[in-house]
Structures are given as C-alpha cells and as structure tokens.
Amino acid sequence: SPVHFKEIETIEELRERLWLLDLLGRYGVRLPCDSSKIRKRAGQLCNLKLGIADAAHVAFAEATSDIFITCDDKLLRKCNKSNVKISVVSPVDFCFKEDLR
C-alpha cells in the first residue's frame, strides 16, 4: 500500500527508515489502482471507526488483493465486524489457511 511510504517517512530512526525503504524497494510491488476510488472507500471505512491509515490500507487491499494480513488484533476484529470487502486474517491464520509450515 502507498500508505507504507507515508508511515515510513515518520520514522525518526534513520537506519530503520532506510532499512524499510530498502525492503520495499526489493520486495514491494506497485499495483495499478484508481486512487480516487480508494480515497472514497477509505473515507467510508473511517466512518466505520477505522483509523485513517488503517482505512487506507484496507481500501487499497480491497482494490488490489484477495486477502489482507494484519498483526493488529483490534483492526482484525473491526474489519471482521464491518462490511469490509476482503478477507482479513492474522499471519498465523493465513499460514494455516495456505497450509504453510
């Protein structure tokens, strides 16, 4: 999600910031999407009590992915109780679902 770059910009520790940018540069994939639709959907998700960054991540995932993986239990519960249009799971649940060992 493009939100990752905004979040990384706020990290004060230079070494950590550069390490994360390097990881995104190596393994990240920029996916084509309609940013105006994503912004609109993020606004709807904010109305469901998701935080701004969380709403942006989920809206982007809805537009570009089949599944959204999060370690944030609170976000996971909120998404599963609302009308999120994507499967939202924890990393552990994802591994079980995909039979990864």
N, C-alpha and C. Protein backbone atom coordinates (compact mmCIF):
# COMPACT_ATOMS: atom_id res chain seq x y z
N SER A 1 0.84 -1.18 0.00
CA SER A 1 0.00 0.00 0.00
C SER A 1 0.88 1.25 0.00
N PRO A 2 0.52 2.27 -0.75
CA PRO A 2 1.28 3.52 -0.73
C PRO A 2 1.35 4.15 0.66
N VAL A 3 0.43 3.77 1.52
CA VAL A 3 0.43 4.29 2.89
C VAL A 3 1.71 3.90 3.62
N HIS A 4 2.29 2.76 3.25
CA HIS A 4 3.54 2.34 3.89
C HIS A 4 4.61 3.41 3.77
N PHE A 5 4.71 4.04 2.60
CA PHE A 5 5.73 5.06 2.40
C PHE A 5 5.49 6.26 3.31
N LYS A 6 4.23 6.66 3.47
CA LYS A 6 3.90 7.77 4.38
C LYS A 6 4.25 7.40 5.82
N GLU A 7 3.96 6.18 6.21
CA GLU A 7 4.27 5.75 7.57
C GLU A 7 5.78 5.69 7.80
N ILE A 8 6.50 5.23 6.81
CA ILE A 8 7.96 5.13 6.94
C ILE A 8 8.58 6.52 7.06
N GLU A 9 8.04 7.50 6.36
CA GLU A 9 8.55 8.87 6.44
C GLU A 9 8.54 9.41 7.86
N THR A 10 7.64 8.92 8.69
CA THR A 10 7.52 9.44 10.06
C THR A 10 8.49 8.78 11.04
N ILE A 11 9.21 7.76 10.61
CA ILE A 11 10.15 7.07 11.49
C ILE A 11 11.39 7.93 11.67
N GLU A 12 11.69 8.28 12.90
CA GLU A 12 12.82 9.17 13.18
C GLU A 12 14.17 8.47 13.03
N GLU A 13 14.24 7.21 13.40
CA GLU A 13 15.49 6.45 13.33
C GLU A 13 15.88 6.24 11.87
N LEU A 14 16.94 6.91 11.43
CA LEU A 14 17.35 6.88 10.03
C LEU A 14 17.65 5.47 9.55
N ARG A 15 18.38 4.70 10.35
CA ARG A 15 18.76 3.35 9.94
C ARG A 15 17.52 2.48 9.69
N GLU A 16 16.54 2.58 10.59
CA GLU A 16 15.31 1.80 10.44
C GLU A 16 14.54 2.25 9.20
N ARG A 17 14.45 3.58 9.01
CA ARG A 17 13.72 4.11 7.86
C ARG A 17 14.35 3.63 6.55
N LEU A 18 15.68 3.70 6.46
CA LEU A 18 16.37 3.26 5.25
C LEU A 18 16.22 1.76 5.03
N TRP A 19 16.27 0.99 6.11
CA TRP A 19 16.11 -0.46 6.01
C TRP A 19 14.74 -0.81 5.44
N LEU A 20 13.69 -0.15 5.96
CA LEU A 20 12.33 -0.42 5.48
C LEU A 20 12.15 0.01 4.03
N LEU A 21 12.72 1.15 3.67
CA LEU A 21 12.63 1.59 2.27
C LEU A 21 13.36 0.62 1.35
N ASP A 22 14.49 0.08 1.82
CA ASP A 22 15.21 -0.92 1.04
C ASP A 22 14.36 -2.17 0.85
N LEU A 23 13.71 -2.63 1.92
CA LEU A 23 12.84 -3.81 1.82
C LEU A 23 11.72 -3.58 0.81
N LEU A 24 11.09 -2.42 0.89
CA LEU A 24 10.01 -2.12 -0.06
C LEU A 24 10.54 -2.04 -1.49
N GLY A 25 11.74 -1.48 -1.63
CA GLY A 25 12.34 -1.40 -2.96
C GLY A 25 12.64 -2.76 -3.55
N ARG A 26 13.06 -3.68 -2.71
CA ARG A 26 13.40 -5.03 -3.18
C ARG A 26 12.17 -5.91 -3.41
N TYR A 27 11.25 -5.86 -2.47
CA TYR A 27 10.15 -6.83 -2.49
C TYR A 27 8.77 -6.23 -2.74
N GLY A 28 8.66 -4.94 -2.65
CA GLY A 28 7.37 -4.30 -2.86
C GLY A 28 7.00 -4.26 -4.33
N VAL A 29 5.72 -4.25 -4.58
CA VAL A 29 5.20 -4.18 -5.95
C VAL A 29 4.18 -3.05 -5.99
N ARG A 30 4.37 -2.14 -6.91
CA ARG A 30 3.38 -1.07 -7.07
C ARG A 30 2.29 -1.57 -8.00
N LEU A 31 1.08 -1.58 -7.49
CA LEU A 31 -0.05 -2.09 -8.25
C LEU A 31 -0.87 -0.94 -8.81
N PRO A 32 -1.31 -1.07 -10.06
CA PRO A 32 -2.16 -0.01 -10.63
C PRO A 32 -3.51 0.00 -9.91
N CYS A 33 -4.00 1.19 -9.66
CA CYS A 33 -5.29 1.31 -8.97
C CYS A 33 -5.86 2.69 -9.22
N ASP A 34 -7.13 2.84 -8.93
CA ASP A 34 -7.83 4.11 -9.05
C ASP A 34 -7.79 4.80 -7.69
N SER A 35 -6.86 5.72 -7.53
CA SER A 35 -6.66 6.33 -6.21
C SER A 35 -7.88 7.12 -5.73
N SER A 36 -8.66 7.68 -6.64
CA SER A 36 -9.85 8.42 -6.19
C SER A 36 -10.88 7.47 -5.59
N LYS A 37 -11.04 6.28 -6.17
CA LYS A 37 -11.96 5.29 -5.59
C LYS A 37 -11.44 4.79 -4.25
N ILE A 38 -10.14 4.62 -4.15
CA ILE A 38 -9.56 4.16 -2.89
C ILE A 38 -9.74 5.21 -1.80
N ARG A 39 -9.53 6.49 -2.14
CA ARG A 39 -9.75 7.56 -1.16
C ARG A 39 -11.21 7.58 -0.69
N LYS A 40 -12.12 7.43 -1.63
CA LYS A 40 -13.55 7.42 -1.28
C LYS A 40 -13.86 6.25 -0.35
N ARG A 41 -13.36 5.08 -0.69
CA ARG A 41 -13.60 3.90 0.15
C ARG A 41 -12.94 4.06 1.51
N ALA A 42 -11.75 4.63 1.55
CA ALA A 42 -11.08 4.87 2.84
C ALA A 42 -11.93 5.78 3.72
N GLY A 43 -12.56 6.77 3.12
CA GLY A 43 -13.46 7.64 3.87
C GLY A 43 -14.63 6.88 4.46
N GLN A 44 -15.19 5.96 3.67
CA GLN A 44 -16.29 5.12 4.17
C GLN A 44 -15.81 4.26 5.33
N LEU A 45 -14.61 3.71 5.21
CA LEU A 45 -14.07 2.86 6.28
C LEU A 45 -13.76 3.68 7.54
N CYS A 46 -13.36 4.92 7.36
CA CYS A 46 -13.16 5.80 8.53
C CYS A 46 -14.48 6.00 9.27
N ASN A 47 -15.57 6.09 8.52
CA ASN A 47 -16.89 6.23 9.14
C ASN A 47 -17.27 4.99 9.94
N LEU A 48 -16.61 3.86 9.65
CA LEU A 48 -16.84 2.62 10.41
C LEU A 48 -15.89 2.51 11.59
N LYS A 49 -15.23 3.63 11.92
CA LYS A 49 -14.34 3.73 13.08
C LYS A 49 -12.96 3.13 12.86
N LEU A 50 -12.55 2.95 11.60
CA LEU A 50 -11.17 2.58 11.34
C LEU A 50 -10.35 3.86 11.33
N GLY A 51 -9.12 3.79 11.80
CA GLY A 51 -8.24 4.95 11.75
C GLY A 51 -7.90 5.28 10.30
N ILE A 52 -7.37 6.46 10.07
CA ILE A 52 -7.10 6.93 8.71
C ILE A 52 -6.13 5.99 7.99
N ALA A 53 -5.00 5.68 8.61
CA ALA A 53 -4.02 4.81 7.95
C ALA A 53 -4.58 3.41 7.75
N ASP A 54 -5.25 2.87 8.76
CA ASP A 54 -5.84 1.53 8.63
C ASP A 54 -6.87 1.51 7.51
N ALA A 55 -7.70 2.54 7.45
CA ALA A 55 -8.72 2.62 6.40
C ALA A 55 -8.07 2.67 5.02
N ALA A 56 -6.99 3.41 4.90
CA ALA A 56 -6.29 3.50 3.61
C ALA A 56 -5.69 2.15 3.23
N HIS A 57 -5.07 1.46 4.19
CA HIS A 57 -4.50 0.14 3.91
C HIS A 57 -5.59 -0.84 3.45
N VAL A 58 -6.70 -0.87 4.17
CA VAL A 58 -7.78 -1.80 3.85
C VAL A 58 -8.41 -1.45 2.50
N ALA A 59 -8.63 -0.18 2.25
CA ALA A 59 -9.22 0.24 0.97
C ALA A 59 -8.30 -0.15 -0.20
N PHE A 60 -7.01 0.05 -0.02
CA PHE A 60 -6.06 -0.34 -1.07
C PHE A 60 -6.08 -1.85 -1.26
N ALA A 61 -6.11 -2.59 -0.17
CA ALA A 61 -6.16 -4.06 -0.26
C ALA A 61 -7.43 -4.53 -0.96
N GLU A 62 -8.55 -3.90 -0.63
CA GLU A 62 -9.81 -4.27 -1.30
C GLU A 62 -9.71 -4.10 -2.81
N ALA A 63 -9.01 -3.05 -3.22
CA ALA A 63 -8.92 -2.72 -4.65
C ALA A 63 -7.89 -3.56 -5.40
N THR A 64 -6.95 -4.16 -4.67
CA THR A 64 -5.83 -4.80 -5.37
C THR A 64 -5.52 -6.23 -4.96
N SER A 65 -6.17 -6.74 -3.92
CA SER A 65 -5.75 -8.03 -3.36
C SER A 65 -6.93 -8.94 -3.06
N ASP A 66 -6.61 -10.17 -2.73
CA ASP A 66 -7.62 -11.15 -2.32
C ASP A 66 -7.72 -11.27 -0.81
N ILE A 67 -6.66 -10.84 -0.12
CA ILE A 67 -6.59 -11.04 1.33
C ILE A 67 -5.77 -9.92 1.95
N PHE A 68 -6.13 -9.55 3.17
CA PHE A 68 -5.40 -8.53 3.92
C PHE A 68 -4.90 -9.19 5.19
N ILE A 69 -3.59 -9.17 5.39
CA ILE A 69 -2.98 -9.81 6.55
C ILE A 69 -2.52 -8.73 7.52
N THR A 70 -2.93 -8.87 8.78
CA THR A 70 -2.56 -7.89 9.79
C THR A 70 -2.23 -8.56 11.12
N CYS A 71 -1.29 -7.96 11.83
CA CYS A 71 -0.96 -8.41 13.20
C CYS A 71 -1.77 -7.64 14.23
N ASP A 72 -2.51 -6.64 13.79
CA ASP A 72 -3.28 -5.77 14.67
C ASP A 72 -4.62 -6.43 15.00
N ASP A 73 -4.71 -7.01 16.20
CA ASP A 73 -5.94 -7.72 16.60
C ASP A 73 -7.16 -6.81 16.62
N LYS A 74 -6.95 -5.57 17.04
CA LYS A 74 -8.07 -4.62 17.10
C LYS A 74 -8.60 -4.33 15.68
N LEU A 75 -7.69 -4.11 14.75
CA LEU A 75 -8.09 -3.88 13.35
C LEU A 75 -8.76 -5.12 12.78
N LEU A 76 -8.22 -6.27 13.08
CA LEU A 76 -8.79 -7.54 12.61
C LEU A 76 -10.24 -7.68 13.06
N ARG A 77 -10.49 -7.40 14.34
CA ARG A 77 -11.87 -7.50 14.87
C ARG A 77 -12.78 -6.48 14.21
N LYS A 78 -12.31 -5.24 14.08
CA LYS A 78 -13.14 -4.20 13.45
C LYS A 78 -13.50 -4.58 12.01
N CYS A 79 -12.53 -5.06 11.28
CA CYS A 79 -12.78 -5.44 9.88
C CYS A 79 -13.76 -6.59 9.79
N ASN A 80 -13.61 -7.56 10.65
CA ASN A 80 -14.49 -8.73 10.59
C ASN A 80 -15.90 -8.43 11.07
N LYS A 81 -16.09 -7.32 11.79
CA LYS A 81 -17.43 -6.92 12.23
C LYS A 81 -18.09 -5.94 11.26
N SER A 82 -17.34 -5.42 10.32
CA SER A 82 -17.89 -4.41 9.41
C SER A 82 -18.03 -4.98 8.00
N ASN A 83 -18.38 -4.12 7.07
CA ASN A 83 -18.63 -4.58 5.70
C ASN A 83 -17.39 -4.48 4.83
N VAL A 84 -16.26 -4.92 5.35
CA VAL A 84 -15.03 -4.93 4.58
C VAL A 84 -15.17 -5.97 3.47
N LYS A 85 -14.73 -5.60 2.28
CA LYS A 85 -14.94 -6.44 1.09
C LYS A 85 -13.74 -7.32 0.77
N ILE A 86 -13.02 -7.72 1.79
CA ILE A 86 -11.83 -8.54 1.61
C ILE A 86 -11.67 -9.42 2.84
N SER A 87 -11.07 -10.56 2.65
CA SER A 87 -10.79 -11.44 3.78
C SER A 87 -9.65 -10.83 4.59
N VAL A 88 -9.86 -10.66 5.89
CA VAL A 88 -8.86 -10.07 6.78
C VAL A 88 -8.46 -11.14 7.80
N VAL A 89 -7.17 -11.47 7.83
CA VAL A 89 -6.70 -12.55 8.69
C VAL A 89 -5.39 -12.17 9.37
N SER A 90 -5.06 -12.92 10.41
CA SER A 90 -3.76 -12.78 11.07
C SER A 90 -2.73 -13.58 10.27
N PRO A 91 -1.44 -13.30 10.47
CA PRO A 91 -0.42 -14.10 9.78
C PRO A 91 -0.52 -15.59 10.10
N VAL A 92 -0.82 -15.92 11.35
CA VAL A 92 -0.95 -17.33 11.75
C VAL A 92 -2.11 -17.98 11.01
N ASP A 93 -3.27 -17.30 10.98
CA ASP A 93 -4.42 -17.85 10.27
C ASP A 93 -4.14 -18.00 8.77
N PHE A 94 -3.40 -17.05 8.22
CA PHE A 94 -3.04 -17.15 6.80
C PHE A 94 -2.19 -18.39 6.55
N CYS A 95 -1.22 -18.64 7.42
CA CYS A 95 -0.35 -19.81 7.26
C CYS A 95 -1.15 -21.11 7.35
N PHE A 96 -2.09 -21.17 8.30
CA PHE A 96 -2.94 -22.36 8.40
C PHE A 96 -3.79 -22.52 7.14
N LYS A 97 -4.39 -21.40 6.70
CA LYS A 97 -5.27 -21.43 5.53
C LYS A 97 -4.52 -21.91 4.28
N GLU A 98 -3.28 -21.48 4.14
CA GLU A 98 -2.48 -21.84 2.97
C GLU A 98 -1.65 -23.10 3.18
N ASP A 99 -1.82 -23.72 4.34
CA ASP A 99 -1.08 -24.94 4.70
C ASP A 99 0.43 -24.73 4.61
N LEU A 100 0.88 -23.59 5.13
CA LEU A 100 2.31 -23.27 5.16
C LEU A 100 2.90 -23.78 6.46
N ARG A 101 4.03 -24.42 6.38
CA ARG A 101 4.67 -24.96 7.58
C ARG A 101 6.11 -24.55 7.63
